[in-house]
Amino acid sequence: MVYITRFWELDFLRGIAIVMMAVFHLIFDLYYFGGYSINVNSGFWLIFARATAFIFLFLIGICLSISYSKRPDRIWLKNLRRGLKVFGFGLIITAVTFLAFGGGFIIFGVLHFIGVSVILSSVFLRFNKLNLLFALVFFLFGFYIQNFIFDFPWLLWLGLQPAGFYTFDYFPLFPWFGVILLGIFFGGIFYKNGSRLFKIGGLTPSSPIKSFNFLGKHSLVAYLLHQPIIVLILYLLGLIHF
């Protein structure tokens, strides 16, 4: 059993997810701003985007579990502060996309979702293995309500969508909070009491891995900056236009 303050493999995987996200947004920008014939709403690229989100949110759940196991007495206040911070950045994204695009602006995107999920997780962290069952409930109910239309736009954050709803980024609690709960469940198994309960076959954070680790450690900054940088580069290369 190995006890350390930070697990490099989680930063590495988070860094991989950041790179995957940047790749998808590169393709999306070419489609949306450049008019390239790329299908980002189904097929491979949709699966790629969903896999990226799953990895990132699953890791958040694991890290929430680790944080709780170390200081359960302070988790409510800690998660409240973290959640409000991330949600605040989500509101900035809402304002920017509304001013820039109008229709399709981000109402409850991944940052809004993460902010709310971090706060809400404080309720579920103590349930340990029951979170596997709760995750299943969130998945099943989330997929079920997608078959219906609800005239309650103020409940978009739950997954209840009105007719004609469109947005660039949408991560409602149902079903996506189920991924967070899965991460919490597996985090409690493989990182019980804040310790790694497995060995990583002699792997060490070498130089190539450290590049991904850097991104993983600064994932919020990477998320906020990568899209403007990609758009600027594509524009300077003449690959997109406004």
Protein backbone atom coordinates (compact mmCIF):
# COMPACT_ATOMS: atom_id res chain seq x y z
CA MET A 1 0.00 0.00 0.00
CA VAL A 2 1.52 3.31 -1.11
CA TYR A 3 0.53 6.62 0.52
CA ILE A 4 1.43 9.79 -1.35
CA THR A 5 -0.06 13.26 -1.61
CA ARG A 6 -0.64 13.16 -5.37
CA PHE A 7 -0.96 10.27 -7.78
CA TRP A 8 0.90 10.93 -11.00
CA GLU A 9 -1.12 8.38 -12.96
CA LEU A 10 -4.31 10.39 -12.37
CA ASP A 11 -2.65 13.59 -13.58
CA PHE A 12 -1.36 11.67 -16.59
CA LEU A 13 -4.80 10.35 -17.53
CA ARG A 14 -6.31 13.78 -17.00
CA GLY A 15 -3.66 15.22 -19.29
CA ILE A 16 -4.58 12.63 -21.93
CA ALA A 17 -8.21 13.72 -21.64
CA ILE A 18 -7.19 17.38 -22.06
CA VAL A 19 -5.33 16.53 -25.28
CA MET A 20 -8.32 14.54 -26.54
CA MET A 21 -10.57 17.51 -25.77
CA ALA A 22 -8.27 19.86 -27.68
CA VAL A 23 -8.28 17.49 -30.68
CA PHE A 24 -12.07 17.38 -30.71
CA HIS A 25 -12.38 21.16 -30.42
CA LEU A 26 -9.90 21.53 -33.29
CA ILE A 27 -12.15 19.35 -35.45
CA PHE A 28 -15.26 21.18 -34.22
CA ASP A 29 -13.77 24.58 -35.05
CA LEU A 30 -12.90 23.43 -38.56
CA TYR A 31 -16.49 22.27 -38.97
CA TYR A 32 -18.24 25.24 -37.37
CA PHE A 33 -16.02 28.18 -38.38
CA GLY A 34 -14.36 26.73 -41.45
CA GLY A 35 -17.30 25.01 -43.07
CA TYR A 36 -15.41 21.75 -43.48
CA SER A 37 -17.53 18.68 -44.14
CA ILE A 38 -16.91 16.90 -40.85
CA ASN A 39 -19.67 15.13 -38.96
CA VAL A 40 -19.12 16.02 -35.31
CA ASN A 41 -22.68 15.26 -34.17
CA SER A 42 -22.66 11.51 -34.75
CA GLY A 43 -20.35 8.62 -35.52
CA PHE A 44 -16.70 8.57 -34.56
CA TRP A 45 -16.30 12.16 -33.41
CA LEU A 46 -19.36 12.04 -31.17
CA ILE A 47 -18.08 8.83 -29.57
CA PHE A 48 -14.64 10.45 -29.23
CA ALA A 49 -16.15 13.48 -27.48
CA ARG A 50 -18.22 11.33 -25.13
CA ALA A 51 -15.21 9.13 -24.29
CA THR A 52 -13.17 12.24 -23.50
CA ALA A 53 -15.85 13.56 -21.18
CA PHE A 54 -16.25 10.17 -19.51
CA ILE A 55 -12.53 9.90 -18.74
CA PHE A 56 -12.34 13.42 -17.35
CA LEU A 57 -15.45 13.15 -15.17
CA PHE A 58 -14.57 9.65 -13.98
CA LEU A 59 -11.21 10.97 -12.77
CA ILE A 60 -12.95 13.81 -10.95
CA GLY A 61 -14.97 11.22 -9.06
CA ILE A 62 -11.83 9.31 -8.11
CA CYS A 63 -10.14 12.48 -6.86
CA LEU A 64 -13.22 13.45 -4.84
CA SER A 65 -13.10 10.03 -3.18
CA ILE A 66 -9.41 10.43 -2.35
CA SER A 67 -9.96 13.92 -0.96
CA TYR A 68 -12.83 12.70 1.20
CA SER A 69 -10.85 9.76 2.58
CA LYS A 70 -8.08 12.09 3.76
CA ARG A 71 -10.18 14.83 5.41
CA PRO A 72 -13.85 13.79 5.66
CA ASP A 73 -14.51 16.41 8.33
CA ARG A 74 -13.75 19.30 5.97
CA ILE A 75 -15.21 17.98 2.76
CA TRP A 76 -18.41 20.07 2.75
CA LEU A 77 -16.69 23.43 2.95
CA LYS A 78 -13.84 22.36 0.67
CA ASN A 79 -16.17 21.07 -2.03
CA LEU A 80 -18.43 24.10 -1.71
CA ARG A 81 -15.51 26.42 -2.40
CA ARG A 82 -14.22 24.30 -5.26
CA GLY A 83 -17.64 23.90 -6.80
CA LEU A 84 -18.52 27.58 -6.65
CA LYS A 85 -15.17 28.49 -8.21
CA VAL A 86 -15.64 26.15 -11.19
CA PHE A 87 -19.31 27.12 -11.56
CA GLY A 88 -18.26 30.77 -11.61
CA PHE A 89 -15.98 30.09 -14.57
CA GLY A 90 -18.92 28.32 -16.18
CA LEU A 91 -20.98 31.51 -15.86
CA ILE A 92 -18.19 33.41 -17.60
CA ILE A 93 -18.34 30.88 -20.44
CA THR A 94 -22.11 31.44 -20.60
CA ALA A 95 -21.65 35.21 -20.92
CA VAL A 96 -18.88 34.94 -23.52
CA THR A 97 -20.73 32.45 -25.73
CA PHE A 98 -23.95 34.48 -25.48
CA LEU A 99 -22.20 37.65 -26.61
CA ALA A 100 -20.23 35.84 -29.33
CA PHE A 101 -22.84 33.49 -30.76
CA GLY A 102 -26.27 34.27 -29.36
CA GLY A 103 -28.13 31.10 -30.29
CA GLY A 104 -26.51 27.94 -29.04
CA PHE A 105 -24.75 29.70 -26.16
CA ILE A 106 -23.69 27.46 -23.30
CA ILE A 107 -26.28 27.40 -20.52
CA PHE A 108 -25.17 24.36 -18.53
CA GLY A 109 -21.92 23.07 -19.96
CA VAL A 110 -19.18 20.95 -18.49
CA LEU A 111 -17.89 23.63 -16.09
CA HIS A 112 -21.38 24.33 -14.72
CA PHE A 113 -21.86 20.59 -14.34
CA ILE A 114 -18.53 20.01 -12.60
CA GLY A 115 -19.18 22.88 -10.20
CA VAL A 116 -22.58 21.53 -9.19
CA SER A 117 -21.29 17.94 -9.09
CA VAL A 118 -18.41 18.76 -6.76
CA ILE A 119 -20.85 20.37 -4.31
CA LEU A 120 -23.43 17.59 -4.68
CA SER A 121 -20.81 14.87 -4.25
CA SER A 122 -20.50 15.75 -0.56
CA VAL A 123 -23.89 14.08 -0.07
CA PHE A 124 -22.81 10.83 -1.76
CA LEU A 125 -19.19 10.38 -0.72
CA ARG A 126 -20.05 8.61 2.52
CA PHE A 127 -22.13 5.93 0.78
CA ASN A 128 -19.10 4.06 -0.58
CA LYS A 129 -20.19 1.01 -2.58
CA LEU A 130 -23.82 2.15 -2.77
CA ASN A 131 -22.64 4.75 -5.26
CA LEU A 132 -22.53 2.04 -7.90
CA LEU A 133 -26.29 1.66 -7.51
CA PHE A 134 -26.82 5.43 -7.47
CA ALA A 135 -24.75 5.74 -10.65
CA LEU A 136 -27.00 3.20 -12.36
CA VAL A 137 -30.07 5.21 -11.32
CA PHE A 138 -28.62 8.41 -12.78
CA PHE A 139 -27.73 6.63 -16.03
CA LEU A 140 -31.08 4.91 -16.50
CA PHE A 141 -33.20 7.93 -15.60
CA GLY A 142 -31.01 10.22 -17.70
CA PHE A 143 -31.35 8.05 -20.79
CA TYR A 144 -35.07 7.61 -20.17
CA ILE A 145 -35.96 11.32 -20.00
CA GLN A 146 -34.13 11.97 -23.26
CA ASN A 147 -37.15 10.45 -24.99
CA PHE A 148 -39.45 13.24 -23.80
CA ILE A 149 -39.84 16.99 -24.17
CA PHE A 150 -40.41 19.13 -21.08
CA ASP A 151 -41.62 22.71 -21.02
CA PHE A 152 -39.49 23.56 -17.99
CA PRO A 153 -36.39 25.40 -19.26
CA TRP A 154 -35.29 26.19 -15.70
CA LEU A 155 -34.73 22.45 -15.20
CA LEU A 156 -32.26 22.09 -18.06
CA TRP A 157 -29.51 21.38 -15.57
CA LEU A 158 -31.30 18.16 -14.62
CA GLY A 159 -31.64 16.97 -18.21
CA LEU A 160 -35.24 18.05 -18.89
CA GLN A 161 -35.03 19.62 -22.35
CA PRO A 162 -37.68 21.82 -23.98
CA ALA A 163 -38.56 21.55 -27.67
CA GLY A 164 -35.96 23.01 -30.03
CA PHE A 165 -33.26 23.24 -27.38
CA TYR A 166 -29.77 23.68 -28.82
CA THR A 167 -26.46 24.47 -27.18
CA PHE A 168 -22.77 23.96 -27.96
CA ASP A 169 -22.05 22.20 -24.67
CA TYR A 170 -24.53 20.41 -22.43
CA PHE A 171 -23.87 18.19 -19.42
CA PRO A 172 -27.02 17.72 -17.30
CA LEU A 173 -26.92 15.91 -13.96
CA PHE A 174 -28.91 13.05 -15.49
CA PRO A 175 -27.11 10.98 -16.71
CA TRP A 176 -23.66 12.57 -16.33
CA PHE A 177 -23.51 12.66 -12.53
CA GLY A 178 -23.53 8.88 -12.78
CA VAL A 179 -19.99 9.06 -14.19
CA ILE A 180 -18.87 11.07 -11.15
CA LEU A 181 -20.45 8.47 -8.88
CA LEU A 182 -18.67 5.67 -10.75
CA GLY A 183 -15.39 7.46 -10.15
CA ILE A 184 -16.21 7.83 -6.45
CA PHE A 185 -17.07 4.12 -6.27
CA PHE A 186 -13.86 2.92 -7.93
CA GLY A 187 -11.80 5.54 -6.11
CA GLY A 188 -12.96 4.03 -2.84
CA ILE A 189 -11.79 0.61 -4.03
CA PHE A 190 -8.42 1.37 -5.63
CA TYR A 191 -7.42 4.40 -3.53
CA LYS A 192 -8.93 3.42 -0.22
CA ASN A 193 -8.06 5.74 2.69
CA GLY A 194 -6.08 7.95 0.33
CA SER A 195 -3.59 5.22 -0.54
CA ARG A 196 -2.98 3.47 -3.84
CA LEU A 197 -3.79 -0.20 -3.36
CA PHE A 198 -2.06 -1.40 -6.52
CA LYS A 199 1.31 -1.17 -8.22
CA ILE A 200 1.88 0.27 -11.68
CA GLY A 201 4.24 -2.31 -13.16
CA GLY A 202 7.46 -0.35 -12.69
CA LEU A 203 6.26 2.67 -14.65
CA THR A 204 7.60 6.03 -13.54
CA PRO A 205 6.64 9.55 -14.62
CA SER A 206 9.27 9.94 -17.38
CA SER A 207 9.70 13.09 -19.47
CA PRO A 208 6.93 12.32 -22.03
CA ILE A 209 4.57 11.42 -19.21
CA LYS A 210 5.45 14.60 -17.32
CA SER A 211 4.19 16.67 -20.25
CA PHE A 212 0.75 15.13 -19.83
CA ASN A 213 1.06 15.42 -16.05
CA PHE A 214 1.60 19.16 -16.38
CA LEU A 215 -1.65 19.48 -18.33
CA GLY A 216 -3.41 17.27 -15.82
CA LYS A 217 -2.28 19.38 -12.88
CA HIS A 218 -3.50 22.57 -14.59
CA SER A 219 -6.62 21.18 -16.25
CA LEU A 220 -8.88 24.16 -15.47
CA VAL A 221 -6.43 26.64 -16.98
CA ALA A 222 -5.95 24.34 -19.98
CA TYR A 223 -9.71 24.11 -20.46
CA LEU A 224 -10.18 27.88 -20.35
CA LEU A 225 -7.29 28.73 -22.68
CA HIS A 226 -7.10 25.94 -25.24
CA GLN A 227 -10.12 26.92 -27.33
CA PRO A 228 -9.16 30.61 -27.86
CA ILE A 229 -5.63 29.48 -28.75
CA ILE A 230 -6.88 26.90 -31.26
CA VAL A 231 -9.27 29.40 -32.87
CA LEU A 232 -6.52 32.02 -33.13
CA ILE A 233 -4.05 29.60 -34.74
CA LEU A 234 -6.62 28.31 -37.24
CA TYR A 235 -7.61 31.87 -38.11
CA LEU A 236 -4.01 32.96 -38.66
CA LEU A 237 -3.48 29.92 -40.89
CA GLY A 238 -6.53 30.89 -42.92
CA LEU A 239 -8.33 27.64 -42.14
CA ILE A 240 -11.38 29.30 -40.57
CA HIS A 241 -13.23 32.57 -40.99
CA PHE A 242 -15.83 34.61 -39.11
